[in-house]
Amino acid sequence: MWRTVRQDNRPQGRLSPPVPANPLAIAEENIWRDEVHTALLEAVSRLPERLREVITAAYGLDGKPPRTLAAIGDHFGVTGEMARYWRNNGLVLLRLPAISGQLRYLCGQESRVAYLHMQALSRAWLRKRRSSHRRQGREK
């Protein structure tokens, strides 16, 4: 039975030739990618220095390969957990429209609904962070 299923899932006949790409669509996509990259770098540049360095290293925005949180923590002389905390704080700040307005516009996330969704995500993260701080305080 399984042999029949495998045979039925195999492509039959010849493969169709690849459809030639539309040069105009490729050029538009490349321009859009460049604009998004520029807007992303501009948004990250508005972060406080340490958060900017952590985000840049974690996602490889400096042209180097992305670094692990442990490596970032070593660079700053802290644990990887602290580097994760800083990365998450930076990401929360990047959600703010004042920092990432142009990036949101380019990605189609400038609507009120998108903003409210971002607010809900930020609140949920803050609640989670506060509850973990409370638990840590009780354990001491």
Protein backbone atom coordinates (compact mmCIF):
# COMPACT_ATOMS: atom_id res chain seq x y z
CA MET A 1 0.00 0.00 0.00
CA TRP A 2 2.75 2.48 0.95
CA ARG A 3 4.60 1.70 -2.28
CA THR A 4 1.49 2.74 -4.21
CA VAL A 5 1.22 5.97 -2.25
CA ARG A 6 4.88 6.79 -2.94
CA GLN A 7 4.42 6.06 -6.65
CA ASP A 8 1.32 8.24 -6.80
CA ASN A 9 3.18 11.13 -5.18
CA ARG A 10 6.01 11.04 -7.74
CA PRO A 11 5.87 13.69 -10.46
CA GLN A 12 4.55 12.25 -13.69
CA GLY A 13 5.80 13.16 -17.16
CA ARG A 14 8.19 15.99 -17.90
CA LEU A 15 8.72 18.96 -15.70
CA SER A 16 7.46 22.20 -17.16
CA PRO A 17 10.16 24.69 -18.13
CA PRO A 18 10.76 27.47 -15.62
CA VAL A 19 8.76 30.60 -16.24
CA PRO A 20 11.08 33.49 -17.07
CA ALA A 21 11.08 36.11 -14.34
CA ASN A 22 9.66 39.53 -15.03
CA PRO A 23 12.65 41.92 -14.96
CA LEU A 24 10.46 44.83 -13.85
CA ALA A 25 9.08 42.83 -10.90
CA ILE A 26 12.60 41.79 -9.90
CA ALA A 27 13.81 45.41 -10.04
CA GLU A 28 10.83 46.61 -7.97
CA GLU A 29 11.43 43.92 -5.36
CA ASN A 30 15.13 44.82 -5.14
CA ILE A 31 14.29 48.50 -4.67
CA TRP A 32 11.72 47.61 -1.98
CA ARG A 33 14.28 45.40 -0.18
CA ASP A 34 16.83 48.23 -0.21
CA GLU A 35 14.24 50.66 1.19
CA VAL A 36 13.23 48.19 3.92
CA HIS A 37 16.89 47.57 4.82
CA THR A 38 17.54 51.32 5.04
CA ALA A 39 14.41 51.86 7.16
CA LEU A 40 15.41 48.98 9.44
CA LEU A 41 18.88 50.42 9.98
CA GLU A 42 17.33 53.84 10.66
CA ALA A 43 14.94 52.35 13.23
CA VAL A 44 17.72 50.42 14.95
CA SER A 45 19.89 53.56 15.04
CA ARG A 46 17.23 55.22 17.21
CA LEU A 47 17.64 52.64 19.98
CA PRO A 48 19.83 53.26 23.02
CA GLU A 49 23.46 52.31 22.29
CA ARG A 50 23.60 48.98 24.13
CA LEU A 51 20.28 47.76 22.70
CA ARG A 52 21.37 48.89 19.24
CA GLU A 53 24.59 46.87 19.54
CA VAL A 54 22.74 43.79 20.79
CA ILE A 55 20.12 43.90 18.01
CA THR A 56 22.79 44.52 15.38
CA ALA A 57 24.89 41.59 16.59
CA ALA A 58 21.96 39.21 17.15
CA TYR A 59 20.60 39.68 13.62
CA GLY A 60 23.85 40.34 11.75
CA LEU A 61 22.84 43.83 10.64
CA ASP A 62 26.50 44.85 10.53
CA GLY A 63 27.23 42.46 7.67
CA LYS A 64 28.75 39.84 9.96
CA PRO A 65 26.99 36.54 10.67
CA PRO A 66 24.42 36.74 13.48
CA ARG A 67 25.95 36.05 16.88
CA THR A 68 24.48 33.88 19.60
CA LEU A 69 23.14 35.45 22.76
CA ALA A 70 25.94 33.74 24.71
CA ALA A 71 28.55 35.38 22.44
CA ILE A 72 26.85 38.75 22.81
CA GLY A 73 26.74 38.29 26.57
CA ASP A 74 30.46 37.45 26.60
CA HIS A 75 31.18 40.63 24.66
CA PHE A 76 29.37 42.71 27.28
CA GLY A 77 30.59 40.65 30.24
CA VAL A 78 27.11 39.37 31.15
CA THR A 79 25.20 36.12 30.75
CA GLY A 80 23.42 35.08 27.59
CA GLU A 81 20.16 35.45 29.53
CA MET A 82 20.90 39.13 30.11
CA ALA A 83 21.71 39.54 26.41
CA ARG A 84 18.33 37.93 25.63
CA TYR A 85 16.63 40.38 27.98
CA TRP A 86 18.32 43.32 26.22
CA ARG A 87 17.44 41.90 22.78
CA ASN A 88 13.79 41.55 23.79
CA ASN A 89 13.73 45.10 25.18
CA GLY A 90 15.16 46.35 21.89
CA LEU A 91 12.53 44.46 19.91
CA VAL A 92 9.76 45.92 22.06
CA LEU A 93 11.09 49.41 21.40
CA LEU A 94 11.31 48.68 17.68
CA ARG A 95 7.57 48.00 17.69
CA LEU A 96 6.87 51.62 18.63
CA PRO A 97 5.58 53.61 15.63
CA ALA A 98 7.74 56.59 16.63
CA ILE A 99 10.83 54.46 16.04
CA SER A 100 9.71 52.24 13.20
CA GLY A 101 7.15 54.36 11.32
CA GLN A 102 8.85 54.20 7.92
CA LEU A 103 9.55 50.49 8.25
CA ARG A 104 5.90 49.85 9.19
CA TYR A 105 4.75 51.85 6.17
CA LEU A 106 6.98 49.89 3.77
CA CYS A 107 5.77 46.57 5.19
CA GLY A 108 2.08 47.52 5.14
CA GLN A 109 1.79 47.56 8.93
CA GLU A 110 0.86 51.22 9.41
CA SER A 111 -2.87 50.67 10.00
CA ARG A 112 -4.59 51.18 13.33
CA VAL A 113 -5.33 47.45 13.52
CA ALA A 114 -1.64 46.61 13.09
CA TYR A 115 -0.74 49.16 15.77
CA LEU A 116 -3.28 47.69 18.21
CA HIS A 117 -1.93 44.20 17.51
CA MET A 118 1.59 45.45 18.24
CA GLN A 119 0.38 47.02 21.47
CA ALA A 120 -1.22 43.75 22.54
CA LEU A 121 2.03 41.87 21.85
CA SER A 122 4.04 44.40 23.84
CA ARG A 123 1.63 44.28 26.78
CA ALA A 124 1.69 40.49 26.83
CA TRP A 125 5.48 40.48 26.85
CA LEU A 126 5.56 43.07 29.66
CA ARG A 127 3.05 41.06 31.73
CA LYS A 128 5.14 37.95 31.28
CA ARG A 129 8.29 39.84 32.28
CA ARG A 130 6.63 41.33 35.37
CA SER A 131 5.29 37.96 36.50
CA SER A 132 8.71 36.35 36.16
CA HIS A 133 10.25 39.19 38.21
CA ARG A 134 7.64 38.64 40.92
CA ARG A 135 8.35 34.91 40.98
CA GLN A 136 12.09 35.56 41.25
CA GLY A 137 11.48 37.99 44.12
CA ARG A 138 9.49 35.37 46.06
CA GLU A 139 12.20 32.73 45.54
CA LYS A 140 14.90 34.88 47.18
